C-alpha atoms as a PDB file:
ATOM      1  CA  MET A   1      -4.381 -10.339  -7.622  1.00  0.00           C
ATOM      2  CA  ALA A   2      -5.320  -9.851  -3.993  1.00  0.00           C
ATOM      3  CA  ASN A   3      -8.493  -8.038  -2.995  1.00  0.00           C
ATOM      4  CA  PHE A   4      -7.004  -5.649  -0.433  1.00  0.00           C
ATOM      5  CA  LYS A   5      -8.991  -4.092   2.387  1.00  0.00           C
ATOM      6  CA  VAL A   6      -8.362  -1.256   4.845  1.00  0.00           C
ATOM      7  CA  GLY A   7      -6.196  -2.528   7.700  1.00  0.00           C
ATOM      8  CA  ASP A   8      -4.307  -5.135   5.659  1.00  0.00           C
ATOM      9  CA  ARG A   9      -0.545  -5.241   6.237  1.00  0.00           C
ATOM     10  CA  VAL A  10       1.345  -5.262   2.930  1.00  0.00           C
ATOM     11  CA  LYS A  11       4.855  -5.226   1.521  1.00  0.00           C
ATOM     12  CA  VAL A  12       5.704  -2.737  -1.228  1.00  0.00           C
ATOM     13  CA  LEU A  13       7.068  -4.614  -4.273  1.00  0.00           C
ATOM     14  CA  SER A  14       7.240  -1.617  -6.634  1.00  0.00           C
ATOM     15  CA  ASN A  15       6.527   2.081  -6.665  1.00  0.00           C
ATOM     16  CA  ALA A  16       6.066   2.474 -10.410  1.00  0.00           C
ATOM     17  CA  CYS A  17       2.923   4.571  -9.871  1.00  0.00           C
ATOM     18  CA  GLY A  18       4.990   7.298  -8.200  1.00  0.00           C
ATOM     19  CA  SER A  19       4.659   6.449  -4.513  1.00  0.00           C
ATOM     20  CA  GLU A  20       7.385   7.670  -2.207  1.00  0.00           C
ATOM     21  CA  ASN A  21       7.181   4.485  -0.106  1.00  0.00           C
ATOM     22  CA  PRO A  22      10.438   2.557  -0.596  1.00  0.00           C
ATOM     23  CA  VAL A  23      10.388  -0.843  -2.285  1.00  0.00           C
ATOM     24  CA  GLY A  24      10.578  -3.521   0.415  1.00  0.00           C
ATOM     25  CA  SER A  25       8.877  -1.412   3.067  1.00  0.00           C
ATOM     26  CA  VAL A  26       5.897  -2.727   5.032  1.00  0.00           C
ATOM     27  CA  GLY A  27       2.811  -0.666   5.703  1.00  0.00           C
ATOM     28  CA  ILE A  28      -0.894  -0.656   6.409  1.00  0.00           C
ATOM     29  CA  ILE A  29      -3.606   0.059   3.853  1.00  0.00           C
ATOM     30  CA  THR A  30      -5.638   3.055   5.013  1.00  0.00           C
ATOM     31  CA  LEU A  31      -7.765   3.648   1.882  1.00  0.00           C
ATOM     32  CA  THR A  32      -8.615   1.533  -1.151  1.00  0.00           C
ATOM     33  CA  ASP A  33     -10.834   1.768  -4.171  1.00  0.00           C
ATOM     34  CA  GLU A  34     -11.100  -2.076  -4.056  1.00  0.00           C
ATOM     35  CA  TYR A  35     -10.186  -2.513  -7.729  1.00  0.00           C
ATOM     36  CA  THR A  36      -6.864  -0.901  -8.618  1.00  0.00           C
ATOM     37  CA  ASP A  37      -5.278   1.369  -6.007  1.00  0.00           C
ATOM     38  CA  CYS A  38      -4.477   1.443  -2.288  1.00  0.00           C
ATOM     39  CA  ARG A  39      -3.089   4.091   0.014  1.00  0.00           C
ATOM     40  CA  VAL A  40      -0.313   2.544   2.098  1.00  0.00           C
ATOM     41  CA  VAL A  41       1.044   4.254   5.200  1.00  0.00           C
ATOM     42  CA  VAL A  42       4.565   3.157   6.108  1.00  0.00           C
ATOM     43  CA  LYS A  43       5.928   4.113   9.535  1.00  0.00           C
ATOM     44  CA  GLY A  44       8.649   6.720   9.185  1.00  0.00           C
ATOM     45  CA  CYS A  45       7.591   7.736   5.653  1.00  0.00           C
ATOM     46  CA  THR A  46       5.469  10.663   4.590  1.00  0.00           C
ATOM     47  CA  ASP A  47       1.788  10.488   5.495  1.00  0.00           C
ATOM     48  CA  ASP A  48       0.873  12.776   2.592  1.00  0.00           C
ATOM     49  CA  ASN A  49      -2.251  11.409   0.889  1.00  0.00           C
ATOM     50  CA  LEU A  50      -0.891  12.322  -2.567  1.00  0.00           C
ATOM     51  CA  VAL A  51       2.366  10.347  -2.528  1.00  0.00           C
ATOM     52  CA  ASN A  52       1.705   6.985  -0.903  1.00  0.00           C
ATOM     53  CA  TRP A  53      -0.665   5.229  -3.329  1.00  0.00           C
ATOM     54  CA  HIS A  54       0.102   1.897  -5.020  1.00  0.00           C
ATOM     55  CA  HIS A  55      -1.552  -0.261  -7.642  1.00  0.00           C
ATOM     56  CA  HIS A  56      -2.664  -3.636  -6.245  1.00  0.00           C
ATOM     57  CA  SER A  57      -0.061  -5.323  -8.460  1.00  0.00           C
ATOM     58  CA  GLU A  58       2.694  -3.448  -6.577  1.00  0.00           C
ATOM     59  CA  LEU A  59       1.767  -4.968  -3.212  1.00  0.00           C
ATOM     60  CA  GLU A  60       2.116  -8.303  -1.452  1.00  0.00           C
ATOM     61  CA  LEU A  61      -0.372  -9.190   1.279  1.00  0.00           C
ATOM     62  CA  LEU A  62       1.392 -10.109   4.540  1.00  0.00           C
ATOM     63  CA  GLU A  63      -1.457 -10.081   7.058  1.00  0.00           C
ATOM     64  CA  LEU A  64      -5.194  -9.498   6.851  1.00  0.00           C
ATOM     65  CA  GLY A  65      -6.564  -6.502   8.730  1.00  0.00           C
ATOM     66  CA  ILE A  66      -9.052  -6.974  11.517  1.00  0.00           C
END
């Protein structure tokens, strides 16, 4: 499992935890608890803090943040 950080670019593999981000979409991690969950903002999708969280296992790292 990847250790995601704020700014990482990721691909959404699943939204089993209830996120409204579509599977296959690409976004940027804006918040993380480092162990289990990340907030992923996808351009064109809702920016509501309550509906765009994913478990680490639902994400694929594409590019490290700066």
